[in-house]
Amino acid sequence: MKLPGSLLVPLLLIASTRAATKTHSIVLGKSVAIKLMDGQTGGEARIRPLLVDDRLREYTSGAAHDVTDRLFVVRRAYRINDYLPEDQKKVPVWRWQRGDWLLVNRRTGNVSAINLPDFDPFYSVVSWYRDYGAYCGVVDEGAKVSALVVQLGNKKPVMRKPLAAAKAGDQPDSECPAPKWQRDPTRVTFEPAGGPALTVDVRGRSADIAEKSEKEDSPGTQ
């Protein structure tokens, strides 16, 4: 039976609206303990599968951070083949490794990698607040370390400032722990080992070095 044009258009609009408003099931599954590749803190971690509409999309490590009621970020975990051509057993040798960060949209079900300049999977520890991420970035095999603040949706870092260089042989995460955030004003503090702390005020898409008051600088103050 052929529908009149006056009925066909509304039906197409209803179908299109339903498809656009389809809700997706986003689930972080049960965590399990795994061994990490050498060079990562502790050598152990817990991972969880990221399921979108009951289908495995990624494995994740650590806690997720809610950016908005629609968006959250979580760190990816993956297996890499550690097989050598000289190995007797001709089968893959899978080793777990922590990777980059993912942005997950609960409404659309989209999962995408986040661009974090100078992010090092063995060294950088990202601390999230709202849509900002703060971490220590590494370039030139650890010879140069920088404090970075990034904002989701902004291609360029909000701030990048050089810090003391990492020392060869140090354990990952030991040189620069997760930066500490505070609100009102929005401020983040980097505390690299062996170097002075760095505090910056974050205002929109910019950041300024926070000035300490005389009281804060005075010895013996509480």
N, C-alpha and C. Protein backbone atom coordinates (compact mmCIF):
# COMPACT_ATOMS: atom_id res chain seq x y z
N MET A 1 0.85 -1.21 0.00
CA MET A 1 0.00 0.00 0.00
C MET A 1 0.88 1.24 0.00
N LYS A 2 0.63 2.14 -0.89
CA LYS A 2 1.43 3.36 -1.01
C LYS A 2 0.83 4.46 -0.15
N LEU A 3 1.66 5.06 0.73
CA LEU A 3 1.18 6.11 1.62
C LEU A 3 1.17 7.44 0.90
N PRO A 4 0.16 8.26 1.21
CA PRO A 4 0.13 9.61 0.64
C PRO A 4 1.33 10.40 1.12
N GLY A 5 1.78 11.36 0.29
CA GLY A 5 2.92 12.18 0.66
C GLY A 5 2.71 12.94 1.93
N SER A 6 1.47 13.33 2.24
CA SER A 6 1.18 14.09 3.45
C SER A 6 1.42 13.28 4.71
N LEU A 7 1.35 11.92 4.63
CA LEU A 7 1.62 11.06 5.79
C LEU A 7 3.06 10.58 5.83
N LEU A 8 3.67 10.44 4.66
CA LEU A 8 5.03 9.90 4.59
C LEU A 8 6.05 10.81 5.25
N VAL A 9 5.95 12.12 5.03
CA VAL A 9 6.90 13.06 5.61
C VAL A 9 6.89 13.04 7.13
N PRO A 10 5.71 13.14 7.81
CA PRO A 10 5.70 13.08 9.27
C PRO A 10 6.28 11.77 9.81
N LEU A 11 5.99 10.64 9.12
CA LEU A 11 6.52 9.36 9.59
C LEU A 11 8.04 9.32 9.51
N LEU A 12 8.59 9.88 8.43
CA LEU A 12 10.05 9.94 8.30
C LEU A 12 10.67 10.82 9.36
N LEU A 13 9.99 11.92 9.69
CA LEU A 13 10.50 12.80 10.73
C LEU A 13 10.50 12.12 12.09
N ILE A 14 9.44 11.35 12.38
CA ILE A 14 9.36 10.64 13.66
C ILE A 14 10.46 9.60 13.75
N ALA A 15 10.69 8.85 12.66
CA ALA A 15 11.74 7.83 12.65
C ALA A 15 13.11 8.45 12.83
N SER A 16 13.34 9.60 12.18
CA SER A 16 14.63 10.28 12.29
C SER A 16 14.85 10.79 13.70
N THR A 17 13.80 11.31 14.33
CA THR A 17 13.91 11.82 15.70
C THR A 17 14.23 10.70 16.67
N ARG A 18 13.57 9.56 16.51
CA ARG A 18 13.83 8.41 17.38
C ARG A 18 15.25 7.91 17.24
N ALA A 19 15.75 7.89 16.02
CA ALA A 19 17.13 7.44 15.80
C ALA A 19 18.12 8.40 16.42
N ALA A 20 17.83 9.70 16.35
CA ALA A 20 18.75 10.70 16.89
C ALA A 20 18.77 10.70 18.40
N THR A 21 17.64 10.31 19.02
CA THR A 21 17.54 10.36 20.49
C THR A 21 17.76 8.99 21.13
N LYS A 22 18.23 8.01 20.37
CA LYS A 22 18.47 6.69 20.90
C LYS A 22 19.49 6.75 22.03
N THR A 23 19.15 6.14 23.16
CA THR A 23 20.07 6.13 24.30
C THR A 23 21.02 4.94 24.18
N HIS A 24 22.22 5.13 24.68
CA HIS A 24 23.22 4.08 24.63
C HIS A 24 23.55 3.61 26.05
N SER A 25 23.85 2.34 26.14
CA SER A 25 24.25 1.75 27.41
C SER A 25 25.77 1.81 27.53
N ILE A 26 26.26 2.61 28.49
CA ILE A 26 27.70 2.75 28.73
C ILE A 26 27.99 2.15 30.11
N VAL A 27 28.80 1.12 30.13
CA VAL A 27 29.06 0.39 31.38
C VAL A 27 30.55 0.14 31.53
N LEU A 28 31.08 0.41 32.72
CA LEU A 28 32.43 -0.03 33.09
C LEU A 28 32.26 -1.30 33.91
N GLY A 29 32.74 -2.41 33.38
CA GLY A 29 32.50 -3.71 33.99
C GLY A 29 33.31 -3.96 35.25
N LYS A 30 33.26 -5.18 35.70
CA LYS A 30 33.94 -5.60 36.93
C LYS A 30 35.45 -5.51 36.75
N SER A 31 36.14 -5.01 37.77
CA SER A 31 37.59 -4.86 37.69
C SER A 31 38.30 -6.17 38.02
N VAL A 32 39.44 -6.37 37.38
CA VAL A 32 40.28 -7.54 37.65
C VAL A 32 41.73 -7.07 37.77
N ALA A 33 42.51 -7.77 38.57
CA ALA A 33 43.91 -7.42 38.77
C ALA A 33 44.75 -7.99 37.63
N ILE A 34 45.71 -7.19 37.15
CA ILE A 34 46.62 -7.63 36.08
C ILE A 34 48.03 -7.16 36.41
N LYS A 35 49.00 -7.77 35.73
CA LYS A 35 50.40 -7.37 35.85
C LYS A 35 50.73 -6.42 34.71
N LEU A 36 51.38 -5.32 35.05
CA LEU A 36 51.81 -4.37 34.03
C LEU A 36 53.21 -4.70 33.53
N MET A 37 53.55 -4.14 32.39
CA MET A 37 54.91 -4.28 31.90
C MET A 37 55.87 -3.60 32.86
N ASP A 38 57.11 -4.05 32.91
CA ASP A 38 58.13 -3.44 33.77
C ASP A 38 58.25 -1.96 33.46
N GLY A 39 58.48 -1.17 34.51
CA GLY A 39 58.65 0.25 34.31
C GLY A 39 57.45 1.06 34.73
N GLN A 40 56.36 0.40 35.14
CA GLN A 40 55.19 1.13 35.61
C GLN A 40 55.02 0.87 37.10
N THR A 41 54.50 1.85 37.80
CA THR A 41 54.46 1.84 39.25
C THR A 41 53.86 0.55 39.81
N GLY A 42 54.60 -0.11 40.69
CA GLY A 42 54.08 -1.27 41.40
C GLY A 42 54.02 -2.52 40.56
N GLY A 43 53.98 -2.40 39.22
CA GLY A 43 53.89 -3.57 38.38
C GLY A 43 52.51 -4.19 38.35
N GLU A 44 51.53 -3.59 39.05
CA GLU A 44 50.18 -4.13 39.09
C GLU A 44 49.16 -3.03 38.88
N ALA A 45 47.99 -3.42 38.41
CA ALA A 45 46.90 -2.47 38.22
C ALA A 45 45.60 -3.26 38.16
N ARG A 46 44.50 -2.55 38.22
CA ARG A 46 43.20 -3.17 38.03
C ARG A 46 42.58 -2.57 36.77
N ILE A 47 42.03 -3.42 35.94
CA ILE A 47 41.43 -2.96 34.70
C ILE A 47 39.95 -3.32 34.67
N ARG A 48 39.20 -2.55 33.87
CA ARG A 48 37.77 -2.81 33.68
C ARG A 48 37.43 -2.68 32.20
N PRO A 49 36.55 -3.52 31.71
CA PRO A 49 36.13 -3.37 30.32
C PRO A 49 35.16 -2.20 30.18
N LEU A 50 35.27 -1.47 29.09
CA LEU A 50 34.32 -0.42 28.75
C LEU A 50 33.37 -1.00 27.71
N LEU A 51 32.11 -1.13 28.08
CA LEU A 51 31.10 -1.73 27.21
C LEU A 51 30.15 -0.65 26.71
N VAL A 52 29.97 -0.61 25.40
CA VAL A 52 29.00 0.30 24.78
C VAL A 52 27.95 -0.56 24.10
N ASP A 53 26.71 -0.44 24.58
CA ASP A 53 25.62 -1.27 24.06
C ASP A 53 25.99 -2.76 24.11
N ASP A 54 26.57 -3.16 25.27
CA ASP A 54 26.94 -4.55 25.55
C ASP A 54 28.07 -5.07 24.65
N ARG A 55 28.76 -4.17 23.96
CA ARG A 55 29.89 -4.57 23.15
C ARG A 55 31.17 -3.99 23.74
N LEU A 56 32.22 -4.81 23.78
CA LEU A 56 33.50 -4.36 24.32
C LEU A 56 34.13 -3.34 23.39
N ARG A 57 34.41 -2.13 23.91
CA ARG A 57 35.07 -1.11 23.12
C ARG A 57 36.54 -0.96 23.49
N GLU A 58 36.81 -0.93 24.80
CA GLU A 58 38.18 -0.75 25.28
C GLU A 58 38.30 -1.41 26.66
N TYR A 59 39.54 -1.57 27.10
CA TYR A 59 39.82 -1.86 28.50
C TYR A 59 40.33 -0.58 29.15
N THR A 60 40.02 -0.39 30.41
CA THR A 60 40.39 0.85 31.09
C THR A 60 41.11 0.55 32.40
N SER A 61 41.85 1.56 32.87
CA SER A 61 42.60 1.43 34.11
C SER A 61 42.35 2.65 34.99
N GLY A 62 42.14 2.42 36.28
CA GLY A 62 41.96 3.53 37.21
C GLY A 62 40.53 4.06 37.21
N ALA A 63 40.33 5.10 38.01
CA ALA A 63 39.00 5.67 38.18
C ALA A 63 38.64 6.58 37.01
N ALA A 64 37.36 6.61 36.67
CA ALA A 64 36.86 7.54 35.65
C ALA A 64 36.56 8.88 36.30
N HIS A 65 36.59 9.95 35.50
CA HIS A 65 36.26 11.29 35.98
C HIS A 65 35.10 11.84 35.17
N ASP A 66 34.01 12.19 35.85
CA ASP A 66 32.86 12.79 35.19
C ASP A 66 33.15 14.24 34.88
N VAL A 67 33.13 14.59 33.60
CA VAL A 67 33.33 15.98 33.18
C VAL A 67 32.01 16.72 33.23
N THR A 68 30.97 16.15 32.61
CA THR A 68 29.60 16.65 32.67
C THR A 68 28.70 15.45 32.90
N ASP A 69 27.37 15.68 32.87
CA ASP A 69 26.45 14.55 33.00
C ASP A 69 26.43 13.68 31.75
N ARG A 70 27.04 14.16 30.65
CA ARG A 70 27.11 13.39 29.41
C ARG A 70 28.49 12.80 29.15
N LEU A 71 29.54 13.48 29.61
CA LEU A 71 30.90 13.12 29.25
C LEU A 71 31.69 12.66 30.46
N PHE A 72 32.55 11.65 30.26
CA PHE A 72 33.53 11.30 31.28
C PHE A 72 34.82 10.87 30.60
N VAL A 73 35.91 10.95 31.36
CA VAL A 73 37.21 10.53 30.85
C VAL A 73 37.70 9.35 31.66
N VAL A 74 38.46 8.49 31.02
CA VAL A 74 39.01 7.31 31.69
C VAL A 74 40.26 6.89 30.92
N ARG A 75 41.20 6.31 31.62
CA ARG A 75 42.45 5.93 30.99
C ARG A 75 42.35 4.55 30.34
N ARG A 76 42.94 4.44 29.16
CA ARG A 76 42.89 3.18 28.41
C ARG A 76 43.98 2.22 28.87
N ALA A 77 43.68 0.94 28.81
CA ALA A 77 44.66 -0.12 29.04
C ALA A 77 44.59 -1.06 27.84
N TYR A 78 45.72 -1.60 27.44
CA TYR A 78 45.73 -2.48 26.28
C TYR A 78 46.84 -3.51 26.43
N ARG A 79 46.76 -4.55 25.60
CA ARG A 79 47.78 -5.58 25.60
C ARG A 79 48.69 -5.41 24.39
N ILE A 80 49.98 -5.57 24.61
CA ILE A 80 50.95 -5.48 23.53
C ILE A 80 51.71 -6.81 23.46
N ASN A 81 52.06 -7.21 22.27
CA ASN A 81 52.71 -8.49 22.05
C ASN A 81 54.21 -8.38 22.37
N ASP A 82 54.67 -9.12 23.38
CA ASP A 82 56.06 -9.09 23.81
C ASP A 82 56.86 -10.26 23.22
N TYR A 83 56.34 -10.84 22.17
CA TYR A 83 56.98 -12.00 21.54
C TYR A 83 58.25 -11.59 20.79
N LEU A 84 59.31 -12.39 20.93
CA LEU A 84 60.55 -12.20 20.20
C LEU A 84 60.68 -13.26 19.11
N PRO A 85 61.28 -12.91 18.00
CA PRO A 85 61.46 -13.91 16.94
C PRO A 85 62.25 -15.14 17.42
N GLU A 86 63.11 -14.96 18.43
CA GLU A 86 63.93 -16.06 18.92
C GLU A 86 63.20 -16.95 19.91
N ASP A 87 62.01 -16.54 20.37
CA ASP A 87 61.27 -17.34 21.34
C ASP A 87 60.91 -18.70 20.74
N GLN A 88 61.01 -19.74 21.56
CA GLN A 88 60.74 -21.09 21.08
C GLN A 88 59.25 -21.29 20.77
N LYS A 89 58.41 -20.80 21.68
CA LYS A 89 56.97 -20.95 21.44
C LYS A 89 56.51 -19.87 20.47
N LYS A 90 55.99 -20.28 19.34
CA LYS A 90 55.57 -19.34 18.31
C LYS A 90 54.14 -18.86 18.57
N VAL A 91 53.94 -18.30 19.74
CA VAL A 91 52.63 -17.77 20.09
C VAL A 91 52.82 -16.37 20.68
N PRO A 92 51.83 -15.50 20.56
CA PRO A 92 51.95 -14.16 21.13
C PRO A 92 52.15 -14.20 22.65
N VAL A 93 52.93 -13.27 23.14
CA VAL A 93 53.13 -13.10 24.59
C VAL A 93 52.53 -11.74 24.95
N TRP A 94 51.32 -11.76 25.47
CA TRP A 94 50.59 -10.51 25.70
C TRP A 94 50.96 -9.90 27.04
N ARG A 95 51.29 -8.62 27.04
CA ARG A 95 51.61 -7.87 28.25
C ARG A 95 50.70 -6.65 28.33
N TRP A 96 50.18 -6.40 29.53
CA TRP A 96 49.30 -5.25 29.72
C TRP A 96 50.11 -3.97 29.88
N GLN A 97 49.57 -2.91 29.35
CA GLN A 97 50.20 -1.60 29.45
C GLN A 97 49.12 -0.53 29.53
N ARG A 98 49.37 0.51 30.35
CA ARG A 98 48.46 1.64 30.41
C ARG A 98 48.76 2.60 29.27
N GLY A 99 47.70 3.15 28.68
CA GLY A 99 47.89 3.99 27.51
C GLY A 99 47.41 5.41 27.71
N ASP A 100 46.77 5.95 26.67
CA ASP A 100 46.31 7.33 26.70
C ASP A 100 44.96 7.43 27.41
N TRP A 101 44.37 8.64 27.37
CA TRP A 101 43.07 8.87 28.01
C TRP A 101 41.98 8.92 26.95
N LEU A 102 40.78 8.48 27.34
CA LEU A 102 39.64 8.43 26.44
C LEU A 102 38.54 9.37 26.92
N LEU A 103 37.84 9.96 25.96
CA LEU A 103 36.65 10.76 26.24
C LEU A 103 35.44 9.96 25.80
N VAL A 104 34.50 9.73 26.71
CA VAL A 104 33.33 8.90 26.43
C VAL A 104 32.07 9.76 26.52
N ASN A 105 31.24 9.69 25.47
CA ASN A 105 29.98 10.43 25.43
C ASN A 105 28.84 9.47 25.72
N ARG A 106 28.18 9.65 26.85
CA ARG A 106 27.10 8.74 27.24
C ARG A 106 25.91 8.82 26.29
N ARG A 107 25.66 9.98 25.72
CA ARG A 107 24.49 10.15 24.86
C ARG A 107 24.71 9.51 23.49
N THR A 108 25.86 9.76 22.86
CA THR A 108 26.09 9.26 21.51
C THR A 108 26.78 7.89 21.49
N GLY A 109 27.40 7.50 22.62
CA GLY A 109 28.16 6.26 22.66
C GLY A 109 29.53 6.37 22.04
N ASN A 110 29.94 7.58 21.69
CA ASN A 110 31.23 7.78 21.04
C ASN A 110 32.38 7.69 22.05
N VAL A 111 33.45 7.01 21.65
CA VAL A 111 34.67 6.88 22.46
C VAL A 111 35.83 7.37 21.62
N SER A 112 36.54 8.39 22.11
CA SER A 112 37.63 8.98 21.33
C SER A 112 38.84 9.23 22.21
N ALA A 113 40.03 9.19 21.61
CA ALA A 113 41.27 9.46 22.33
C ALA A 113 41.42 10.96 22.56
N ILE A 114 41.97 11.34 23.71
CA ILE A 114 42.20 12.74 24.05
C ILE A 114 43.64 13.10 23.71
N ASN A 115 43.82 14.23 23.06
CA ASN A 115 45.16 14.71 22.72
C ASN A 115 45.78 15.37 23.94
N LEU A 116 46.79 14.72 24.51
CA LEU A 116 47.52 15.26 25.67
C LEU A 116 48.98 15.48 25.25
N PRO A 117 49.37 16.71 24.93
CA PRO A 117 50.74 16.99 24.48
C PRO A 117 51.78 16.53 25.50
N ASP A 118 52.84 15.91 25.01
CA ASP A 118 53.98 15.47 25.83
C ASP A 118 53.59 14.43 26.89
N PHE A 119 52.41 13.83 26.76
CA PHE A 119 51.98 12.82 27.72
C PHE A 119 52.84 11.57 27.57
N ASP A 120 53.34 11.07 28.70
CA ASP A 120 54.16 9.87 28.71
C ASP A 120 53.43 8.79 29.52
N PRO A 121 53.09 7.65 28.91
CA PRO A 121 52.29 6.64 29.62
C PRO A 121 52.97 6.05 30.84
N PHE A 122 54.31 6.10 30.91
CA PHE A 122 55.02 5.55 32.07
C PHE A 122 55.24 6.59 33.16
N TYR A 123 55.21 7.86 32.82
CA TYR A 123 55.62 8.91 33.76
C TYR A 123 54.49 9.86 34.16
N SER A 124 53.66 10.25 33.21
CA SER A 124 52.67 11.29 33.44
C SER A 124 51.48 10.76 34.26
N VAL A 125 51.11 11.52 35.29
CA VAL A 125 49.94 11.21 36.11
C VAL A 125 48.98 12.38 35.98
N VAL A 126 47.85 12.16 35.30
CA VAL A 126 46.91 13.25 35.02
C VAL A 126 45.93 13.41 36.18
N SER A 127 45.77 14.65 36.61
CA SER A 127 44.78 15.00 37.63
C SER A 127 43.71 15.86 36.96
N TRP A 128 42.43 15.42 37.06
CA TRP A 128 41.33 16.09 36.36
C TRP A 128 40.50 16.94 37.31
N TYR A 129 40.08 18.09 36.82
CA TYR A 129 39.13 18.94 37.53
C TYR A 129 38.26 19.64 36.48
N ARG A 130 36.95 19.46 36.60
CA ARG A 130 36.04 19.96 35.57
C ARG A 130 36.49 19.43 34.21
N ASP A 131 36.75 20.32 33.24
CA ASP A 131 37.23 19.86 31.92
C ASP A 131 38.71 20.14 31.75
N TYR A 132 39.43 20.31 32.87
CA TYR A 132 40.87 20.55 32.83
C TYR A 132 41.63 19.30 33.26
N GLY A 133 42.79 19.09 32.65
CA GLY A 133 43.70 18.04 33.07
C GLY A 133 45.07 18.64 33.33
N ALA A 134 45.70 18.27 34.43
CA ALA A 134 47.03 18.76 34.78
C ALA A 134 47.96 17.57 34.96
N TYR A 135 49.17 17.68 34.42
CA TYR A 135 50.12 16.57 34.51
C TYR A 135 51.51 17.07 34.12
N CYS A 136 52.50 16.23 34.36
CA CYS A 136 53.87 16.53 33.93
C CYS A 136 54.13 15.81 32.62
N GLY A 137 54.52 16.56 31.62
CA GLY A 137 54.83 15.98 30.32
C GLY A 137 56.32 15.76 30.16
N VAL A 138 56.69 14.81 29.31
CA VAL A 138 58.09 14.44 29.14
C VAL A 138 58.43 14.43 27.64
N VAL A 139 59.59 14.98 27.30
CA VAL A 139 60.10 14.93 25.93
C VAL A 139 61.59 14.58 25.99
N ASP A 140 62.13 14.17 24.86
CA ASP A 140 63.55 13.82 24.75
C ASP A 140 63.97 12.77 25.77
N GLU A 141 63.13 11.70 25.86
CA GLU A 141 63.43 10.55 26.73
C GLU A 141 63.67 10.98 28.18
N GLY A 142 62.87 11.91 28.65
CA GLY A 142 62.95 12.31 30.05
C GLY A 142 63.91 13.43 30.34
N ALA A 143 64.62 13.91 29.32
CA ALA A 143 65.57 14.99 29.55
C ALA A 143 64.87 16.30 29.86
N LYS A 144 63.65 16.46 29.36
CA LYS A 144 62.90 17.70 29.59
C LYS A 144 61.53 17.36 30.15
N VAL A 145 61.20 17.99 31.27
CA VAL A 145 59.92 17.77 31.93
C VAL A 145 59.20 19.11 32.05
N SER A 146 57.92 19.12 31.73
CA SER A 146 57.14 20.35 31.79
C SER A 146 55.85 20.13 32.55
N ALA A 147 55.39 21.18 33.23
CA ALA A 147 54.07 21.19 33.85
C ALA A 147 53.07 21.63 32.80
N LEU A 148 52.01 20.86 32.61
CA LEU A 148 51.02 21.17 31.59
C LEU A 148 49.62 21.21 32.18
N VAL A 149 48.82 22.14 31.69
CA VAL A 149 47.38 22.19 31.95
C VAL A 149 46.69 22.22 30.59
N VAL A 150 45.78 21.27 30.38
CA VAL A 150 45.03 21.22 29.13
C VAL A 150 43.54 21.34 29.42
N GLN A 151 42.80 21.74 28.41
CA GLN A 151 41.35 21.83 28.51
C GLN A 151 40.73 21.07 27.35
N LEU A 152 39.75 20.22 27.66
CA LEU A 152 39.10 19.45 26.62
C LEU A 152 38.50 20.38 25.57
N GLY A 153 38.72 20.06 24.31
CA GLY A 153 38.22 20.89 23.23
C GLY A 153 39.19 21.96 22.78
N ASN A 154 40.28 22.14 23.53
CA ASN A 154 41.29 23.13 23.17
C ASN A 154 42.53 22.40 22.67
N LYS A 155 42.92 22.65 21.43
CA LYS A 155 44.04 21.92 20.83
C LYS A 155 45.38 22.27 21.49
N LYS A 156 45.54 23.51 21.93
CA LYS A 156 46.79 23.93 22.54
C LYS A 156 46.69 23.88 24.07
N PRO A 157 47.79 23.56 24.75
CA PRO A 157 47.75 23.55 26.22
C PRO A 157 47.39 24.92 26.78
N VAL A 158 46.64 24.94 27.85
CA VAL A 158 46.36 26.18 28.56
C VAL A 158 47.65 26.74 29.15
N MET A 159 48.54 25.83 29.59
CA MET A 159 49.83 26.24 30.14
C MET A 159 50.85 25.14 29.91
N ARG A 160 52.08 25.53 29.62
CA ARG A 160 53.22 24.62 29.57
C ARG A 160 54.42 25.36 30.12
N LYS A 161 54.99 24.84 31.23
CA LYS A 161 56.13 25.50 31.86
C LYS A 161 57.18 24.44 32.20
N PRO A 162 58.46 24.68 31.83
CA PRO A 162 59.52 23.71 32.12
C PRO A 162 59.70 23.49 33.62
N LEU A 163 59.98 22.23 33.96
CA LEU A 163 60.29 21.85 35.34
C LEU A 163 61.67 21.19 35.35
N ALA A 164 62.11 20.79 36.54
CA ALA A 164 63.39 20.10 36.66
C ALA A 164 63.35 18.81 35.86
N ALA A 165 64.45 18.43 35.24
CA ALA A 165 64.52 17.22 34.43
C ALA A 165 64.39 15.98 35.29
N ALA A 166 63.79 14.94 34.72
CA ALA A 166 63.71 13.65 35.40
C ALA A 166 65.09 13.02 35.49
N LYS A 167 65.28 12.22 36.51
CA LYS A 167 66.57 11.56 36.71
C LYS A 167 66.53 10.15 36.15
N ALA A 168 67.57 9.78 35.44
CA ALA A 168 67.63 8.44 34.85
C ALA A 168 67.57 7.39 35.94
N GLY A 169 66.76 6.35 35.73
CA GLY A 169 66.66 5.25 36.67
C GLY A 169 65.59 5.43 37.72
N ASP A 170 64.96 6.60 37.79
CA ASP A 170 63.89 6.79 38.77
C ASP A 170 62.66 6.00 38.35
N GLN A 171 61.87 5.61 39.35
CA GLN A 171 60.65 4.89 39.07
C GLN A 171 59.62 5.84 38.47
N PRO A 172 58.80 5.37 37.51
CA PRO A 172 57.76 6.22 36.96
C PRO A 172 56.83 6.72 38.04
N ASP A 173 56.29 7.90 37.86
CA ASP A 173 55.36 8.56 38.77
C ASP A 173 56.05 9.12 40.01
N SER A 174 57.37 8.82 40.22
CA SER A 174 58.01 9.25 41.46
C SER A 174 58.49 10.70 41.37
N GLU A 175 58.81 11.17 40.17
CA GLU A 175 59.37 12.50 40.02
C GLU A 175 58.31 13.59 40.10
N CYS A 176 57.11 13.29 39.66
CA CYS A 176 56.06 14.30 39.61
C CYS A 176 54.71 13.63 39.90
N PRO A 177 54.27 13.62 41.13
CA PRO A 177 52.98 13.00 41.47
C PRO A 177 51.82 13.79 40.89
N ALA A 178 50.62 13.27 41.05
CA ALA A 178 49.43 13.93 40.52
C ALA A 178 49.30 15.34 41.08
N PRO A 179 49.18 16.36 40.22
CA PRO A 179 49.00 17.74 40.71
C PRO A 179 47.73 17.86 41.55
N LYS A 180 47.69 18.89 42.41
CA LYS A 180 46.57 19.08 43.33
C LYS A 180 45.76 20.31 42.92
N TRP A 181 44.45 20.10 42.77
CA TRP A 181 43.55 21.18 42.37
C TRP A 181 42.86 21.81 43.56
N GLN A 182 42.44 23.05 43.39
CA GLN A 182 41.55 23.70 44.34
C GLN A 182 40.63 24.65 43.55
N ARG A 183 39.49 24.99 44.17
CA ARG A 183 38.53 25.88 43.51
C ARG A 183 38.49 27.24 44.21
N ASP A 184 37.92 28.23 43.50
CA ASP A 184 37.70 29.57 44.05
C ASP A 184 38.94 30.19 44.71
N PRO A 185 39.96 30.56 43.96
CA PRO A 185 40.04 30.49 42.50
C PRO A 185 40.48 29.12 42.02
N THR A 186 40.18 28.83 40.75
CA THR A 186 40.62 27.57 40.17
C THR A 186 42.14 27.59 40.08
N ARG A 187 42.76 26.65 40.78
CA ARG A 187 44.22 26.69 40.94
C ARG A 187 44.74 25.27 41.02
N VAL A 188 45.95 25.04 40.47
CA VAL A 188 46.55 23.72 40.53
C VAL A 188 48.01 23.86 40.91
N THR A 189 48.49 22.91 41.73
CA THR A 189 49.86 22.94 42.23
C THR A 189 50.61 21.68 41.79
N PHE A 190 51.78 21.88 41.18
CA PHE A 190 52.68 20.80 40.81
C PHE A 190 53.77 20.71 41.87
N GLU A 191 54.09 19.49 42.31
CA GLU A 191 55.10 19.29 43.34
C GLU A 191 56.12 18.26 42.88
N PRO A 192 56.97 18.61 41.92
CA PRO A 192 57.97 17.65 41.42
C PRO A 192 59.01 17.36 42.48
N ALA A 193 59.44 16.10 42.55
CA ALA A 193 60.48 15.73 43.51
C ALA A 193 61.79 16.41 43.14
N GLY A 194 62.46 16.95 44.14
CA GLY A 194 63.75 17.59 43.90
C GLY A 194 63.67 18.97 43.32
N GLY A 195 62.47 19.55 43.27
CA GLY A 195 62.33 20.89 42.71
C GLY A 195 61.25 21.66 43.45
N PRO A 196 61.19 22.98 43.27
CA PRO A 196 60.18 23.79 43.96
C PRO A 196 58.78 23.53 43.40
N ALA A 197 57.79 23.72 44.27
CA ALA A 197 56.40 23.58 43.84
C ALA A 197 56.03 24.72 42.90
N LEU A 198 55.12 24.44 41.99
CA LEU A 198 54.64 25.43 41.05
C LEU A 198 53.12 25.49 41.14
N THR A 199 52.58 26.67 41.42
CA THR A 199 51.14 26.87 41.51
C THR A 199 50.68 27.83 40.43
N VAL A 200 49.61 27.46 39.73
CA VAL A 200 49.10 28.31 38.65
C VAL A 200 47.60 28.51 38.83
N ASP A 201 47.14 29.72 38.52
CA ASP A 201 45.72 30.03 38.48
C ASP A 201 45.22 29.80 37.06
N VAL A 202 44.10 29.12 36.93
CA VAL A 202 43.54 28.80 35.62
C VAL A 202 42.28 29.63 35.41
N ARG A 203 42.28 30.39 34.32
CA ARG A 203 41.14 31.23 34.00
C ARG A 203 40.74 30.96 32.55
N GLY A 204 39.69 30.18 32.37
CA GLY A 204 39.23 29.88 31.02
C GLY A 204 40.30 29.15 30.24
N ARG A 205 40.74 29.75 29.14
CA ARG A 205 41.75 29.12 28.29
C ARG A 205 43.14 29.67 28.54
N SER A 206 43.39 30.18 29.73
CA SER A 206 44.71 30.70 30.06
C SER A 206 45.05 30.35 31.50
N ALA A 207 46.34 30.46 31.84
CA ALA A 207 46.79 30.18 33.20
C ALA A 207 47.94 31.11 33.53
N ASP A 208 47.97 31.57 34.78
CA ASP A 208 49.03 32.45 35.25
C ASP A 208 49.68 31.85 36.48
N ILE A 209 50.97 32.11 36.65
CA ILE A 209 51.67 31.66 37.85
C ILE A 209 51.07 32.38 39.05
N ALA A 210 50.63 31.62 40.04
CA ALA A 210 50.01 32.21 41.22
C ALA A 210 51.06 32.82 42.13
N GLU A 211 50.82 34.01 42.60
CA GLU A 211 51.75 34.68 43.49
C GLU A 211 51.41 34.34 44.94
N LYS A 212 52.44 34.01 45.71
CA LYS A 212 52.25 33.72 47.12
C LYS A 212 52.20 35.02 47.92
N SER A 213 51.35 35.02 48.93
CA SER A 213 51.27 36.20 49.78
C SER A 213 52.44 36.21 50.75
N GLU A 214 52.70 37.39 51.38
CA GLU A 214 53.78 37.49 52.35
C GLU A 214 53.56 36.55 53.52
N LYS A 215 52.29 36.37 53.88
CA LYS A 215 51.99 35.48 55.00
C LYS A 215 52.37 34.05 54.66
N GLU A 216 52.07 33.61 53.42
CA GLU A 216 52.41 32.26 53.01
C GLU A 216 53.91 32.05 52.96
N ASP A 217 54.64 33.12 52.61
CA ASP A 217 56.10 32.99 52.49
C ASP A 217 56.81 33.09 53.82
N SER A 218 56.12 33.65 54.83
CA SER A 218 56.78 33.88 56.12
C SER A 218 57.03 32.57 56.83
N PRO A 219 58.25 32.36 57.38
CA PRO A 219 58.53 31.11 58.09
C PRO A 219 57.75 31.05 59.37
N GLY A 220 57.31 29.83 59.71
CA GLY A 220 56.61 29.62 60.98
C GLY A 220 55.14 29.90 60.94
N THR A 221 54.58 30.32 59.78
CA THR A 221 53.15 30.58 59.70
C THR A 221 52.40 29.29 59.62
N GLN A 222 51.16 29.28 60.09
CA GLN A 222 50.33 28.09 60.08
C GLN A 222 49.42 28.12 58.86
